[in-house]
C-alpha cells in the first residue's frame, strides 16, 4: 500500500531535516491531477530525476473548484492523493487547500521547484523564494497530446456522438 507516502505538512517538516542531513536533494511540484494520464506520469518521472526526493502537493477539492470551475474535480481529493502516492517516482504527497502552494514552498524549502512547460519561470509560485535560497526552478516539457482538459473534451465529443 502507498498510504505511508501521504503526509501532512507537519509530518513533512519533521522528515525533511533528516533528509537534508543525508544530503538528499528535495524536489517539489504541485497540481490538481484530476484525471491521471500518461503526461502526468512522464512529468512526475522527469521531476523525480531532478533530485532524490519528490514531494507532490495536490490541490484540495475546494481549491480545484476555485481554479478549474464548479464542475471540477471529477475525482475527489482522497482518490487523487492515493493515485499520486501510487506512482513509484513519488516519495511523498500532501494536500493543500489554498489556491497556490506558496506557503508550502516556504515551509518545506525545496532545493528544486518543478512545474510544467506551460509555465514561465516568473509565473511559477515560489520561484523567487527558491532561487533566493540557492535552489533551482525548472520547467518540464509536456508530452504532446496529453492533458486533462483535452481528455474531457474527447469524452464529451464521444458522449455526444454516441449518446452514451
C-alpha atoms as a PDB file:
ATOM      1  CA  UNK A   1       0.000   0.000   0.000  1.00  0.00           C
ATOM      2  CA  UNK A   2       1.060   3.592  -0.557  1.00  0.00           C
ATOM      3  CA  UNK A   3      -0.635   5.341   2.378  1.00  0.00           C
ATOM      4  CA  UNK A   4       2.775   5.836   4.017  1.00  0.00           C
ATOM      5  CA  UNK A   5       3.611   8.338   1.258  1.00  0.00           C
ATOM      6  CA  UNK A   6       0.651  10.596   2.099  1.00  0.00           C
ATOM      7  CA  UNK A   7       1.773  13.129   4.692  1.00  0.00           C
ATOM      8  CA  UNK A   8       0.672  16.316   6.361  1.00  0.00           C
ATOM      9  CA  UNK A   9       2.765  19.461   6.286  1.00  0.00           C
ATOM     10  CA  UNK A  10       3.642  18.894   9.947  1.00  0.00           C
ATOM     11  CA  UNK A  11       4.890  15.372   9.211  1.00  0.00           C
ATOM     12  CA  UNK A  12       6.989  16.515   6.259  1.00  0.00           C
ATOM     13  CA  UNK A  13       8.514  19.348   8.264  1.00  0.00           C
ATOM     14  CA  UNK A  14       9.744  16.700  10.716  1.00  0.00           C
ATOM     15  CA  UNK A  15      11.041  14.409   7.944  1.00  0.00           C
ATOM     16  CA  UNK A  16      12.868  16.889   5.713  1.00  0.00           C
ATOM     17  CA  UNK A  17      15.655  17.920   8.133  1.00  0.00           C
ATOM     18  CA  UNK A  18      16.793  14.298   8.337  1.00  0.00           C
ATOM     19  CA  UNK A  19      16.745  14.018   4.552  1.00  0.00           C
ATOM     20  CA  UNK A  20      18.768  17.229   4.244  1.00  0.00           C
ATOM     21  CA  UNK A  21      21.354  15.892   6.706  1.00  0.00           C
ATOM     22  CA  UNK A  22      21.670  12.896   4.398  1.00  0.00           C
ATOM     23  CA  UNK A  23      22.403  15.371   1.566  1.00  0.00           C
ATOM     24  CA  UNK A  24      19.170  14.460  -0.241  1.00  0.00           C
ATOM     25  CA  UNK A  25      18.034  16.935  -2.891  1.00  0.00           C
ATOM     26  CA  UNK A  26      14.344  17.779  -2.388  1.00  0.00           C
ATOM     27  CA  UNK A  27      12.160  18.388  -5.460  1.00  0.00           C
ATOM     28  CA  UNK A  28       8.713  19.955  -5.083  1.00  0.00           C
ATOM     29  CA  UNK A  29       5.878  20.161  -7.574  1.00  0.00           C
ATOM     30  CA  UNK A  30       2.142  20.582  -7.376  1.00  0.00           C
ATOM     31  CA  UNK A  31      -1.058  20.249  -9.335  1.00  0.00           C
ATOM     32  CA  UNK A  32      -4.685  19.203  -9.467  1.00  0.00           C
ATOM     33  CA  UNK A  33      -4.029  15.791 -11.062  1.00  0.00           C
ATOM     34  CA  UNK A  34      -7.751  15.368 -11.686  1.00  0.00           C
ATOM     35  CA  UNK A  35      -7.700  12.646 -14.356  1.00  0.00           C
ATOM     36  CA  UNK A  36      -4.315  10.975 -14.335  1.00  0.00           C
ATOM     37  CA  UNK A  37      -2.830  10.223 -17.743  1.00  0.00           C
ATOM     38  CA  UNK A  38       0.434   9.363 -19.467  1.00  0.00           C
ATOM     39  CA  UNK A  39       1.529  13.018 -19.498  1.00  0.00           C
ATOM     40  CA  UNK A  40       1.293  13.176 -15.695  1.00  0.00           C
ATOM     41  CA  UNK A  41       3.410  10.050 -15.346  1.00  0.00           C
ATOM     42  CA  UNK A  42       6.143  11.353 -17.643  1.00  0.00           C
ATOM     43  CA  UNK A  43       6.065  14.761 -15.929  1.00  0.00           C
ATOM     44  CA  UNK A  44       6.442  13.259 -12.451  1.00  0.00           C
ATOM     45  CA  UNK A  45       9.173  10.878 -13.602  1.00  0.00           C
ATOM     46  CA  UNK A  46      11.083  13.840 -15.081  1.00  0.00           C
ATOM     47  CA  UNK A  47      10.618  15.818 -11.843  1.00  0.00           C
ATOM     48  CA  UNK A  48      11.998  12.909  -9.807  1.00  0.00           C
ATOM     49  CA  UNK A  49      15.161  12.874 -11.964  1.00  0.00           C
ATOM     50  CA  UNK A  50      15.891  16.436 -10.785  1.00  0.00           C
ATOM     51  CA  UNK A  51      16.720  15.254  -7.261  1.00  0.00           C
ATOM     52  CA  UNK A  52      16.482  12.479  -4.707  1.00  0.00           C
ATOM     53  CA  UNK A  53      13.101  13.060  -3.039  1.00  0.00           C
ATOM     54  CA  UNK A  54       9.981  14.099  -4.936  1.00  0.00           C
ATOM     55  CA  UNK A  55       7.208  15.803  -2.969  1.00  0.00           C
ATOM     56  CA  UNK A  56       3.936  16.380  -4.805  1.00  0.00           C
ATOM     57  CA  UNK A  57       1.366  18.810  -3.405  1.00  0.00           C
ATOM     58  CA  UNK A  58      -2.167  18.059  -4.597  1.00  0.00           C
ATOM     59  CA  UNK A  59      -4.889  20.710  -4.711  1.00  0.00           C
ATOM     60  CA  UNK A  60      -7.875  20.008  -2.463  1.00  0.00           C
ATOM     61  CA  UNK A  61     -11.331  19.644  -3.984  1.00  0.00           C
ATOM     62  CA  UNK A  62     -12.243  23.176  -2.901  1.00  0.00           C
ATOM     63  CA  UNK A  63      -9.145  24.732  -4.485  1.00  0.00           C
ATOM     64  CA  UNK A  64      -9.671  22.787  -7.730  1.00  0.00           C
ATOM     65  CA  UNK A  65     -13.222  24.174  -7.907  1.00  0.00           C
ATOM     66  CA  UNK A  66     -11.904  27.712  -7.441  1.00  0.00           C
ATOM     67  CA  UNK A  67      -9.219  27.246 -10.096  1.00  0.00           C
ATOM     68  CA  UNK A  68     -10.908  24.993 -12.676  1.00  0.00           C
ATOM     69  CA  UNK A  69     -14.607  25.738 -12.155  1.00  0.00           C
ATOM     70  CA  UNK A  70     -17.565  24.259 -10.318  1.00  0.00           C
ATOM     71  CA  UNK A  71     -17.704  21.070 -12.419  1.00  0.00           C
ATOM     72  CA  UNK A  72     -14.263  20.003 -11.312  1.00  0.00           C
ATOM     73  CA  UNK A  73     -12.653  17.982  -9.899  1.00  0.00           C
ATOM     74  CA  UNK A  74     -14.004  14.806 -11.426  1.00  0.00           C
ATOM     75  CA  UNK A  75     -12.088  12.687  -8.905  1.00  0.00           C
ATOM     76  CA  UNK A  76     -12.134  13.612  -5.233  1.00  0.00           C
ATOM     77  CA  UNK A  77      -9.029  14.577  -3.299  1.00  0.00           C
ATOM     78  CA  UNK A  78      -8.782  11.236  -1.492  1.00  0.00           C
ATOM     79  CA  UNK A  79      -8.697   9.335  -4.777  1.00  0.00           C
ATOM     80  CA  UNK A  80      -6.286  11.815  -6.389  1.00  0.00           C
ATOM     81  CA  UNK A  81      -3.903  11.631  -3.427  1.00  0.00           C
ATOM     82  CA  UNK A  82      -3.948   7.822  -3.441  1.00  0.00           C
ATOM     83  CA  UNK A  83      -3.230   7.714  -7.165  1.00  0.00           C
ATOM     84  CA  UNK A  84      -0.334  10.169  -6.922  1.00  0.00           C
ATOM     85  CA  UNK A  85       1.099   8.197  -3.989  1.00  0.00           C
ATOM     86  CA  UNK A  86       0.865   5.090  -6.169  1.00  0.00           C
ATOM     87  CA  UNK A  87       3.484   6.352  -8.598  1.00  0.00           C
ATOM     88  CA  UNK A  88       6.871   4.811  -7.890  1.00  0.00           C
ATOM     89  CA  UNK A  89       8.622   8.119  -8.629  1.00  0.00           C
ATOM     90  CA  UNK A  90       6.673   9.977  -5.910  1.00  0.00           C
ATOM     91  CA  UNK A  91       8.223   9.834  -2.452  1.00  0.00           C
ATOM     92  CA  UNK A  92       5.643  11.936  -0.576  1.00  0.00           C
ATOM     93  CA  UNK A  93       2.452  13.784  -1.334  1.00  0.00           C
ATOM     94  CA  UNK A  94       0.320  16.158   0.640  1.00  0.00           C
ATOM     95  CA  UNK A  95      -2.920  18.040   0.211  1.00  0.00           C
ATOM     96  CA  UNK A  96      -3.241  21.805   0.189  1.00  0.00           C
ATOM     97  CA  UNK A  97      -6.385  23.904   0.334  1.00  0.00           C
ATOM     98  CA  UNK A  98      -5.047  27.273  -0.811  1.00  0.00           C
ATOM     99  CA  UNK A  99      -5.107  28.379  -4.457  1.00  0.00           C
ATOM    100  CA  UNK A 100      -1.315  28.230  -4.590  1.00  0.00           C
ATOM    101  CA  UNK A 101       1.356  26.240  -2.750  1.00  0.00           C
ATOM    102  CA  UNK A 102       3.287  29.372  -1.754  1.00  0.00           C
ATOM    103  CA  UNK A 103       3.092  28.665   1.990  1.00  0.00           C
ATOM    104  CA  UNK A 104       4.083  25.022   1.488  1.00  0.00           C
ATOM    105  CA  UNK A 105       7.136  26.036  -0.509  1.00  0.00           C
ATOM    106  CA  UNK A 106       8.206  28.469   2.220  1.00  0.00           C
ATOM    107  CA  UNK A 107       7.711  25.826   4.904  1.00  0.00           C
ATOM    108  CA  UNK A 108       9.321  22.885   3.069  1.00  0.00           C
ATOM    109  CA  UNK A 109      12.201  24.833   1.458  1.00  0.00           C
ATOM    110  CA  UNK A 110      12.756  22.549  -1.543  1.00  0.00           C
ATOM    111  CA  UNK A 111      16.038  22.560  -3.446  1.00  0.00           C
ATOM    112  CA  UNK A 112      14.210  22.299  -6.770  1.00  0.00           C
ATOM    113  CA  UNK A 113      10.822  23.667  -7.771  1.00  0.00           C
ATOM    114  CA  UNK A 114       9.409  21.956 -10.875  1.00  0.00           C
ATOM    115  CA  UNK A 115       6.379  22.884 -12.981  1.00  0.00           C
ATOM    116  CA  UNK A 116       5.011  22.019 -16.391  1.00  0.00           C
ATOM    117  CA  UNK A 117       6.295  23.670 -19.530  1.00  0.00           C
ATOM    118  CA  UNK A 118       3.188  25.827 -19.868  1.00  0.00           C
ATOM    119  CA  UNK A 119       4.507  27.997 -17.017  1.00  0.00           C
ATOM    120  CA  UNK A 120       7.146  30.681 -17.492  1.00  0.00           C
ATOM    121  CA  UNK A 121       9.600  30.774 -14.620  1.00  0.00           C
ATOM    122  CA  UNK A 122       8.358  34.186 -13.478  1.00  0.00           C
ATOM    123  CA  UNK A 123       4.803  32.850 -13.182  1.00  0.00           C
ATOM    124  CA  UNK A 124       5.735  29.855 -11.040  1.00  0.00           C
ATOM    125  CA  UNK A 125       4.560  30.429  -7.486  1.00  0.00           C
ATOM    126  CA  UNK A 126       7.519  30.434  -5.101  1.00  0.00           C
ATOM    127  CA  UNK A 127      10.226  30.797  -7.737  1.00  0.00           C
ATOM    128  CA  UNK A 128      11.840  33.852  -6.085  1.00  0.00           C
ATOM    129  CA  UNK A 129      11.905  32.165  -2.676  1.00  0.00           C
ATOM    130  CA  UNK A 130      13.560  29.026  -4.053  1.00  0.00           C
ATOM    131  CA  UNK A 131      16.096  30.935  -6.143  1.00  0.00           C
ATOM    132  CA  UNK A 132      16.929  33.323  -3.298  1.00  0.00           C
ATOM    133  CA  UNK A 133      17.861  30.271  -1.212  1.00  0.00           C
ATOM    134  CA  UNK A 134      20.161  28.983  -3.994  1.00  0.00           C
ATOM    135  CA  UNK A 135      17.674  26.474  -5.402  1.00  0.00           C
ATOM    136  CA  UNK A 136      16.606  25.795  -8.946  1.00  0.00           C
ATOM    137  CA  UNK A 137      13.317  26.409 -10.731  1.00  0.00           C
ATOM    138  CA  UNK A 138      12.818  24.085 -13.684  1.00  0.00           C
ATOM    139  CA  UNK A 139      10.034  23.741 -16.232  1.00  0.00           C
ATOM    140  CA  UNK A 140       9.382  20.301 -17.685  1.00  0.00           C
ATOM    141  CA  UNK A 141       8.112  19.872 -21.229  1.00  0.00           C
ATOM    142  CA  UNK A 142       4.670  18.384 -21.717  1.00  0.00           C
ATOM    143  CA  UNK A 143       4.059  15.182 -23.596  1.00  0.00           C
ATOM    144  CA  UNK A 144       2.084  16.367 -26.619  1.00  0.00           C
ATOM    145  CA  UNK A 145      -1.482  15.151 -26.850  1.00  0.00           C
ATOM    146  CA  UNK A 146      -1.976  14.576 -23.134  1.00  0.00           C
ATOM    147  CA  UNK A 147      -3.894  16.980 -20.948  1.00  0.00           C
ATOM    148  CA  UNK A 148      -6.851  16.593 -18.628  1.00  0.00           C
ATOM    149  CA  UNK A 149      -8.747  19.349 -20.436  1.00  0.00           C
ATOM    150  CA  UNK A 150      -8.234  17.619 -23.793  1.00  0.00           C
ATOM    151  CA  UNK A 151      -9.336  14.277 -22.320  1.00  0.00           C
ATOM    152  CA  UNK A 152     -12.532  15.856 -21.013  1.00  0.00           C
ATOM    153  CA  UNK A 153     -13.205  17.383 -24.447  1.00  0.00           C
ATOM    154  CA  UNK A 154     -12.717  13.967 -26.099  1.00  0.00           C
ATOM    155  CA  UNK A 155     -15.085  12.319 -23.622  1.00  0.00           C
ATOM    156  CA  UNK A 156     -17.759  14.972 -24.251  1.00  0.00           C
ATOM    157  CA  UNK A 157     -17.336  14.589 -28.026  1.00  0.00           C
ATOM    158  CA  UNK A 158     -17.687  10.798 -27.814  1.00  0.00           C
ATOM    159  CA  UNK A 159     -20.669  11.101 -25.494  1.00  0.00           C
ATOM    160  CA  UNK A 160     -22.427  13.443 -27.932  1.00  0.00           C
ATOM    161  CA  UNK A 161     -21.596  11.268 -30.939  1.00  0.00           C
ATOM    162  CA  UNK A 162     -22.797   8.025 -29.386  1.00  0.00           C
ATOM    163  CA  UNK A 163     -25.360   9.465 -26.974  1.00  0.00           C
ATOM    164  CA  UNK A 164     -23.872   7.447 -24.114  1.00  0.00           C
END
